[in-house]
């Protein structure tokens, strides 16, 4: 945590090349990409009939991809918010 505070402190200081150090009045804030603000996909609705093996795999793959995407959104959001 101390490393992060030190890094933020150093990032808000800029050298002008003349030996002077200028401290930024409003250092840039962490911004949240709109992609990680989106809601996660709900599980795929399955038809009410027997599915072929290919259909099962396709639905599973879609749901698995959505689950991993949702995990990555939450992880990124927590990193931006400072919760790890």
Protein backbone atom coordinates (compact mmCIF):
# COMPACT_ATOMS: atom_id res chain seq x y z
CA UNK A 1 0.00 0.00 0.00
CA UNK A 2 2.85 2.34 0.83
CA UNK A 3 4.36 1.65 -2.61
CA UNK A 4 1.11 2.71 -4.26
CA UNK A 5 0.94 5.93 -2.24
CA UNK A 6 4.54 6.71 -3.07
CA UNK A 7 3.94 6.02 -6.75
CA UNK A 8 0.86 8.26 -6.78
CA UNK A 9 2.79 11.00 -5.02
CA UNK A 10 5.64 10.77 -7.50
CA UNK A 11 3.26 10.63 -10.46
CA UNK A 12 1.68 13.90 -9.41
CA UNK A 13 5.09 15.65 -9.55
CA UNK A 14 6.46 16.67 -12.93
CA UNK A 15 9.92 17.98 -13.73
CA UNK A 16 9.95 21.01 -16.02
CA UNK A 17 13.47 20.36 -17.23
CA UNK A 18 14.76 23.53 -15.54
CA UNK A 19 15.30 21.75 -12.26
CA UNK A 20 11.96 22.89 -10.85
CA UNK A 21 9.37 20.41 -9.70
CA UNK A 22 5.74 21.24 -10.40
CA UNK A 23 3.04 19.49 -8.38
CA UNK A 24 -0.14 18.82 -10.32
CA UNK A 25 -3.16 20.45 -8.74
CA UNK A 26 -5.62 17.89 -10.11
CA UNK A 27 -3.84 14.63 -10.86
CA UNK A 28 -5.80 12.39 -13.23
CA UNK A 29 -8.42 10.23 -11.54
CA UNK A 30 -8.77 6.56 -12.22
CA UNK A 31 -11.41 6.14 -14.86
CA UNK A 32 -13.64 3.14 -15.28
CA UNK A 33 -13.91 1.78 -18.79
CA UNK A 34 -17.54 1.52 -19.89
CA UNK A 35 -17.00 -2.19 -20.67
CA UNK A 36 -16.52 -3.08 -17.00
CA UNK A 37 -19.64 -1.13 -16.05
CA UNK A 38 -21.83 -3.37 -18.20
CA UNK A 39 -23.94 -5.98 -16.47
CA UNK A 40 -22.86 -9.58 -16.79
CA UNK A 41 -24.73 -11.84 -19.19
CA UNK A 42 -27.32 -14.15 -17.71
CA UNK A 43 -26.95 -17.88 -18.32
CA UNK A 44 -28.20 -19.01 -21.72
CA UNK A 45 -31.80 -20.16 -21.73
CA UNK A 46 -32.00 -23.72 -22.98
CA UNK A 47 -34.79 -25.00 -25.19
CA UNK A 48 -37.20 -27.43 -23.56
CA UNK A 49 -36.19 -30.42 -25.61
CA UNK A 50 -33.34 -32.87 -25.74
CA UNK A 51 -30.15 -31.29 -26.96
CA UNK A 52 -27.54 -32.78 -29.22
CA UNK A 53 -23.98 -33.07 -27.98
CA UNK A 54 -22.96 -30.22 -30.31
CA UNK A 55 -25.72 -27.97 -28.90
CA UNK A 56 -24.71 -28.83 -25.32
CA UNK A 57 -21.11 -27.91 -26.07
CA UNK A 58 -22.13 -24.67 -27.82
CA UNK A 59 -24.36 -23.57 -24.92
CA UNK A 60 -21.72 -24.56 -22.38
CA UNK A 61 -19.06 -22.62 -24.31
CA UNK A 62 -21.25 -19.52 -24.46
CA UNK A 63 -21.99 -19.66 -20.74
CA UNK A 64 -18.36 -20.37 -19.87
CA UNK A 65 -17.19 -17.40 -21.95
CA UNK A 66 -19.76 -15.15 -20.25
CA UNK A 67 -18.66 -16.37 -16.81
CA UNK A 68 -14.98 -15.62 -17.51
CA UNK A 69 -15.91 -12.21 -18.98
CA UNK A 70 -17.99 -11.41 -15.89
CA UNK A 71 -15.12 -12.43 -13.59
CA UNK A 72 -12.72 -10.17 -15.49
CA UNK A 73 -15.16 -7.23 -15.28
CA UNK A 74 -15.51 -7.65 -11.52
CA UNK A 75 -11.76 -8.05 -11.07
CA UNK A 76 -11.05 -4.89 -13.09
CA UNK A 77 -13.74 -2.95 -11.25
CA UNK A 78 -12.30 -4.01 -7.87
CA UNK A 79 -8.79 -2.98 -8.95
CA UNK A 80 -10.06 0.46 -9.97
CA UNK A 81 -11.98 0.81 -6.71
CA UNK A 82 -8.92 -0.28 -4.73
CA UNK A 83 -10.42 -3.57 -3.49
CA UNK A 84 -8.18 -6.49 -4.29
